[in-house]
Amino acid sequence: MQIDIRLIPFYEKPFIELFPGTAGMLHQVGRPELAERDVSLYDLIDDVADIHEDPNVVENIRSRLGVHVERLVSLKAQAREHLLARRLNELDQVLYLIEDAFEDLEEVLA
């Protein structure tokens, strides 16, 4: 027997409609597949962090990601700890904080 806990994205609207600024940024940096496949915000954090660190990405985008990336990476680490420990209530709370952090990032990218 195995217990399987997965994070599956659930959006009431397509990701592109909910986060148009983030989707636009993903298109600008040549990663449109991330916006088009409705990736989970949890999984998207690593990609956003990679974009922030990529020297080939224009400084304007990298600077706007700035402090948001640090917060997102920290929140993902917290979520991962809760996930591994199967603390699902705490995980749920951190996932909402991740969504809030992406909404803050969206304001900067829009």
N, C-alpha and C. Protein backbone atom coordinates (compact mmCIF):
# COMPACT_ATOMS: atom_id res chain seq x y z
N MET A 1 0.84 -1.19 0.00
CA MET A 1 0.00 0.00 0.00
C MET A 1 0.88 1.24 0.00
N GLN A 2 0.34 2.28 -0.62
CA GLN A 2 1.06 3.54 -0.69
C GLN A 2 0.07 4.68 -0.59
N ILE A 3 0.42 5.68 0.18
CA ILE A 3 -0.38 6.89 0.27
C ILE A 3 0.21 7.89 -0.72
N ASP A 4 -0.64 8.47 -1.53
CA ASP A 4 -0.19 9.40 -2.56
C ASP A 4 -0.86 10.74 -2.34
N ILE A 5 -0.07 11.75 -2.04
CA ILE A 5 -0.58 13.11 -1.89
C ILE A 5 0.03 13.94 -3.01
N ARG A 6 -0.83 14.51 -3.85
CA ARG A 6 -0.34 15.30 -4.98
C ARG A 6 -0.97 16.68 -4.95
N LEU A 7 -0.23 17.64 -5.46
CA LEU A 7 -0.76 18.99 -5.63
C LEU A 7 -1.17 19.15 -7.08
N ILE A 8 -2.46 19.29 -7.29
CA ILE A 8 -3.00 19.41 -8.64
C ILE A 8 -3.61 20.80 -8.77
N PRO A 9 -3.25 21.53 -9.83
CA PRO A 9 -3.80 22.88 -9.97
C PRO A 9 -5.30 22.85 -10.20
N PHE A 10 -5.98 23.78 -9.56
CA PHE A 10 -7.41 23.96 -9.79
C PHE A 10 -7.65 25.45 -9.94
N TYR A 11 -8.03 25.85 -11.12
CA TYR A 11 -8.32 27.25 -11.39
C TYR A 11 -9.75 27.33 -11.92
N GLU A 12 -10.49 28.33 -11.46
CA GLU A 12 -11.85 28.52 -11.96
C GLU A 12 -11.83 29.04 -13.39
N LYS A 13 -10.75 29.68 -13.76
CA LYS A 13 -10.54 30.18 -15.12
C LYS A 13 -9.16 29.70 -15.56
N PRO A 14 -8.87 29.76 -16.85
CA PRO A 14 -7.52 29.40 -17.30
C PRO A 14 -6.45 30.29 -16.64
N PHE A 15 -5.28 29.72 -16.42
CA PHE A 15 -4.17 30.43 -15.79
C PHE A 15 -3.92 31.76 -16.49
N ILE A 16 -3.98 31.76 -17.82
CA ILE A 16 -3.70 32.97 -18.60
C ILE A 16 -4.66 34.09 -18.25
N GLU A 17 -5.90 33.75 -17.92
CA GLU A 17 -6.89 34.77 -17.54
C GLU A 17 -6.71 35.23 -16.10
N LEU A 18 -6.32 34.31 -15.22
CA LEU A 18 -6.14 34.67 -13.81
C LEU A 18 -4.85 35.45 -13.57
N PHE A 19 -3.80 35.11 -14.30
CA PHE A 19 -2.49 35.74 -14.11
C PHE A 19 -1.94 36.21 -15.46
N PRO A 20 -2.59 37.19 -16.10
CA PRO A 20 -2.15 37.60 -17.44
C PRO A 20 -0.75 38.20 -17.46
N GLY A 21 -0.37 38.92 -16.41
CA GLY A 21 0.97 39.50 -16.37
C GLY A 21 2.04 38.42 -16.26
N THR A 22 1.80 37.44 -15.42
CA THR A 22 2.74 36.33 -15.26
C THR A 22 2.80 35.52 -16.55
N ALA A 23 1.64 35.26 -17.15
CA ALA A 23 1.60 34.52 -18.42
C ALA A 23 2.36 35.29 -19.50
N GLY A 24 2.18 36.59 -19.54
CA GLY A 24 2.90 37.41 -20.52
C GLY A 24 4.39 37.36 -20.31
N MET A 25 4.81 37.40 -19.05
CA MET A 25 6.24 37.31 -18.74
C MET A 25 6.79 35.96 -19.19
N LEU A 26 6.03 34.89 -18.96
CA LEU A 26 6.48 33.56 -19.38
C LEU A 26 6.63 33.48 -20.90
N HIS A 27 5.73 34.14 -21.62
CA HIS A 27 5.85 34.19 -23.08
C HIS A 27 7.08 35.00 -23.49
N GLN A 28 7.32 36.12 -22.81
CA GLN A 28 8.46 36.99 -23.14
C GLN A 28 9.80 36.27 -22.99
N VAL A 29 9.89 35.41 -21.99
CA VAL A 29 11.16 34.74 -21.73
C VAL A 29 11.26 33.39 -22.44
N GLY A 30 10.30 33.12 -23.32
CA GLY A 30 10.36 31.90 -24.11
C GLY A 30 9.88 30.65 -23.41
N ARG A 31 9.02 30.81 -22.41
CA ARG A 31 8.49 29.66 -21.67
C ARG A 31 6.96 29.63 -21.72
N PRO A 32 6.34 29.80 -22.89
CA PRO A 32 4.88 29.89 -22.98
C PRO A 32 4.17 28.62 -22.53
N GLU A 33 4.85 27.47 -22.64
CA GLU A 33 4.21 26.21 -22.25
C GLU A 33 3.82 26.19 -20.78
N LEU A 34 4.53 26.95 -19.97
CA LEU A 34 4.20 27.00 -18.54
C LEU A 34 2.85 27.67 -18.31
N ALA A 35 2.56 28.69 -19.07
CA ALA A 35 1.28 29.40 -18.92
C ALA A 35 0.14 28.64 -19.58
N GLU A 36 0.45 27.92 -20.62
CA GLU A 36 -0.60 27.27 -21.41
C GLU A 36 -1.05 25.94 -20.84
N ARG A 37 -0.24 25.32 -19.99
CA ARG A 37 -0.63 24.00 -19.49
C ARG A 37 -1.24 24.03 -18.08
N ASP A 38 -1.52 25.20 -17.57
CA ASP A 38 -2.11 25.34 -16.23
C ASP A 38 -1.30 24.60 -15.15
N VAL A 39 -0.03 24.92 -15.08
CA VAL A 39 0.85 24.35 -14.07
C VAL A 39 0.42 24.83 -12.69
N SER A 40 0.70 24.04 -11.66
CA SER A 40 0.37 24.48 -10.30
C SER A 40 1.31 25.61 -9.90
N LEU A 41 0.81 26.50 -9.06
CA LEU A 41 1.65 27.60 -8.59
C LEU A 41 2.84 27.06 -7.82
N TYR A 42 2.63 25.99 -7.07
CA TYR A 42 3.70 25.34 -6.31
C TYR A 42 4.84 24.94 -7.26
N ASP A 43 4.49 24.29 -8.37
CA ASP A 43 5.51 23.87 -9.33
C ASP A 43 6.12 25.05 -10.09
N LEU A 44 5.33 26.06 -10.32
CA LEU A 44 5.79 27.22 -11.10
C LEU A 44 6.88 28.01 -10.37
N ILE A 45 6.93 27.90 -9.07
CA ILE A 45 7.92 28.65 -8.28
C ILE A 45 9.34 28.36 -8.77
N ASP A 46 9.67 27.10 -9.00
CA ASP A 46 11.02 26.76 -9.45
C ASP A 46 11.34 27.41 -10.80
N ASP A 47 10.35 27.42 -11.68
CA ASP A 47 10.56 28.03 -13.00
C ASP A 47 10.76 29.54 -12.89
N VAL A 48 9.98 30.19 -12.04
CA VAL A 48 10.11 31.64 -11.84
C VAL A 48 11.48 31.95 -11.23
N ALA A 49 11.93 31.11 -10.29
CA ALA A 49 13.25 31.31 -9.70
C ALA A 49 14.35 31.14 -10.75
N ASP A 50 14.19 30.15 -11.63
CA ASP A 50 15.17 29.95 -12.71
C ASP A 50 15.21 31.16 -13.65
N ILE A 51 14.04 31.69 -13.97
CA ILE A 51 13.96 32.87 -14.84
C ILE A 51 14.67 34.05 -14.18
N HIS A 52 14.46 34.21 -12.88
CA HIS A 52 15.09 35.31 -12.14
C HIS A 52 16.61 35.21 -12.17
N GLU A 53 17.13 34.00 -12.14
CA GLU A 53 18.58 33.78 -12.11
C GLU A 53 19.22 33.73 -13.50
N ASP A 54 18.41 33.62 -14.54
CA ASP A 54 18.92 33.46 -15.90
C ASP A 54 19.52 34.78 -16.41
N PRO A 55 20.83 34.80 -16.69
CA PRO A 55 21.45 36.04 -17.18
C PRO A 55 20.98 36.45 -18.57
N ASN A 56 20.33 35.54 -19.29
CA ASN A 56 19.83 35.86 -20.63
C ASN A 56 18.47 36.56 -20.60
N VAL A 57 17.86 36.61 -19.42
CA VAL A 57 16.57 37.30 -19.27
C VAL A 57 16.86 38.78 -19.05
N VAL A 58 16.10 39.64 -19.71
CA VAL A 58 16.34 41.08 -19.60
C VAL A 58 16.21 41.54 -18.15
N GLU A 59 17.02 42.50 -17.81
CA GLU A 59 17.09 43.00 -16.43
C GLU A 59 15.75 43.53 -15.94
N ASN A 60 14.97 44.13 -16.82
CA ASN A 60 13.67 44.66 -16.44
C ASN A 60 12.79 43.58 -15.81
N ILE A 61 12.77 42.41 -16.41
CA ILE A 61 11.97 41.30 -15.87
C ILE A 61 12.61 40.77 -14.60
N ARG A 62 13.91 40.56 -14.63
CA ARG A 62 14.59 40.01 -13.45
C ARG A 62 14.42 40.91 -12.23
N SER A 63 14.50 42.21 -12.43
CA SER A 63 14.37 43.12 -11.30
C SER A 63 12.94 43.14 -10.76
N ARG A 64 11.95 42.99 -11.64
CA ARG A 64 10.57 42.97 -11.17
C ARG A 64 10.25 41.68 -10.41
N LEU A 65 10.94 40.61 -10.75
CA LEU A 65 10.73 39.35 -10.02
C LEU A 65 11.36 39.44 -8.62
N GLY A 66 12.52 40.07 -8.56
CA GLY A 66 13.29 40.31 -7.36
C GLY A 66 12.83 39.70 -6.06
N VAL A 67 12.31 40.53 -5.18
CA VAL A 67 11.95 40.12 -3.83
C VAL A 67 10.82 39.09 -3.82
N HIS A 68 10.02 39.07 -4.86
CA HIS A 68 8.92 38.11 -4.93
C HIS A 68 9.45 36.68 -5.02
N VAL A 69 10.54 36.50 -5.73
CA VAL A 69 11.13 35.17 -5.87
C VAL A 69 11.58 34.64 -4.52
N GLU A 70 12.24 35.49 -3.75
CA GLU A 70 12.70 35.06 -2.43
C GLU A 70 11.54 34.59 -1.57
N ARG A 71 10.46 35.34 -1.58
CA ARG A 71 9.28 34.98 -0.79
C ARG A 71 8.67 33.67 -1.30
N LEU A 72 8.54 33.54 -2.62
CA LEU A 72 7.96 32.32 -3.20
C LEU A 72 8.79 31.09 -2.87
N VAL A 73 10.11 31.19 -2.99
CA VAL A 73 10.98 30.06 -2.69
C VAL A 73 10.87 29.68 -1.22
N SER A 74 10.81 30.66 -0.35
CA SER A 74 10.65 30.40 1.08
C SER A 74 9.32 29.71 1.37
N LEU A 75 8.26 30.19 0.74
CA LEU A 75 6.94 29.58 0.94
C LEU A 75 6.91 28.15 0.40
N LYS A 76 7.57 27.92 -0.72
CA LYS A 76 7.60 26.55 -1.27
C LYS A 76 8.32 25.62 -0.31
N ALA A 77 9.40 26.08 0.29
CA ALA A 77 10.13 25.25 1.25
C ALA A 77 9.23 24.90 2.44
N GLN A 78 8.47 25.89 2.91
CA GLN A 78 7.54 25.63 4.02
C GLN A 78 6.48 24.62 3.60
N ALA A 79 5.93 24.81 2.40
CA ALA A 79 4.89 23.90 1.91
C ALA A 79 5.44 22.48 1.78
N ARG A 80 6.65 22.37 1.29
CA ARG A 80 7.26 21.05 1.13
C ARG A 80 7.43 20.36 2.47
N GLU A 81 7.85 21.11 3.48
CA GLU A 81 7.99 20.53 4.83
C GLU A 81 6.65 19.99 5.32
N HIS A 82 5.61 20.78 5.15
CA HIS A 82 4.28 20.35 5.59
C HIS A 82 3.80 19.15 4.78
N LEU A 83 4.08 19.15 3.49
CA LEU A 83 3.68 18.04 2.63
C LEU A 83 4.37 16.75 3.06
N LEU A 84 5.66 16.81 3.26
CA LEU A 84 6.42 15.62 3.65
C LEU A 84 5.99 15.10 5.02
N ALA A 85 5.61 16.01 5.91
CA ALA A 85 5.17 15.61 7.25
C ALA A 85 3.67 15.31 7.29
N ARG A 86 3.02 15.45 6.15
CA ARG A 86 1.57 15.21 6.02
C ARG A 86 0.75 16.10 6.96
N ARG A 87 1.24 17.31 7.15
CA ARG A 87 0.48 18.30 7.92
C ARG A 87 -0.36 19.07 6.92
N LEU A 88 -1.50 18.50 6.58
CA LEU A 88 -2.29 19.01 5.46
C LEU A 88 -2.97 20.34 5.76
N ASN A 89 -3.37 20.58 6.99
CA ASN A 89 -3.97 21.88 7.32
C ASN A 89 -2.96 23.00 7.15
N GLU A 90 -1.74 22.77 7.64
CA GLU A 90 -0.69 23.77 7.50
C GLU A 90 -0.30 23.94 6.04
N LEU A 91 -0.25 22.82 5.31
CA LEU A 91 0.05 22.88 3.88
C LEU A 91 -0.98 23.73 3.15
N ASP A 92 -2.24 23.52 3.46
CA ASP A 92 -3.31 24.29 2.83
C ASP A 92 -3.13 25.79 3.08
N GLN A 93 -2.77 26.15 4.30
CA GLN A 93 -2.56 27.57 4.63
C GLN A 93 -1.41 28.15 3.82
N VAL A 94 -0.32 27.41 3.70
CA VAL A 94 0.83 27.91 2.95
C VAL A 94 0.51 27.99 1.45
N LEU A 95 -0.29 27.06 0.94
CA LEU A 95 -0.68 27.13 -0.47
C LEU A 95 -1.48 28.39 -0.75
N TYR A 96 -2.32 28.80 0.20
CA TYR A 96 -3.04 30.07 0.04
C TYR A 96 -2.07 31.25 0.07
N LEU A 97 -1.04 31.16 0.91
CA LEU A 97 -0.03 32.23 0.94
C LEU A 97 0.74 32.29 -0.38
N ILE A 98 0.99 31.13 -0.98
CA ILE A 98 1.65 31.09 -2.29
C ILE A 98 0.77 31.78 -3.33
N GLU A 99 -0.53 31.49 -3.29
CA GLU A 99 -1.44 32.15 -4.22
C GLU A 99 -1.43 33.67 -4.01
N ASP A 100 -1.43 34.10 -2.75
CA ASP A 100 -1.36 35.54 -2.45
C ASP A 100 -0.06 36.14 -2.99
N ALA A 101 1.04 35.42 -2.83
CA ALA A 101 2.34 35.91 -3.31
C ALA A 101 2.34 36.04 -4.84
N PHE A 102 1.70 35.11 -5.52
CA PHE A 102 1.60 35.22 -6.99
C PHE A 102 0.71 36.38 -7.38
N GLU A 103 -0.32 36.66 -6.60
CA GLU A 103 -1.16 37.82 -6.88
C GLU A 103 -0.37 39.11 -6.70
N ASP A 104 0.50 39.16 -5.68
CA ASP A 104 1.38 40.32 -5.49
C ASP A 104 2.34 40.46 -6.68
N LEU A 105 2.90 39.35 -7.12
CA LEU A 105 3.79 39.37 -8.28
C LEU A 105 3.04 39.82 -9.53
N GLU A 106 1.81 39.38 -9.65
CA GLU A 106 0.98 39.75 -10.80
C GLU A 106 0.82 41.26 -10.90
N GLU A 107 0.66 41.93 -9.76
CA GLU A 107 0.52 43.39 -9.76
C GLU A 107 1.76 44.06 -10.33
N VAL A 108 2.92 43.49 -10.07
CA VAL A 108 4.17 44.06 -10.56
C VAL A 108 4.36 43.77 -12.05
N LEU A 109 3.88 42.63 -12.50
CA LEU A 109 4.10 42.22 -13.89
C LEU A 109 3.02 42.73 -14.84
N ALA A 110 1.87 43.10 -14.31
CA ALA A 110 0.74 43.53 -15.17
C ALA A 110 1.01 44.87 -15.81
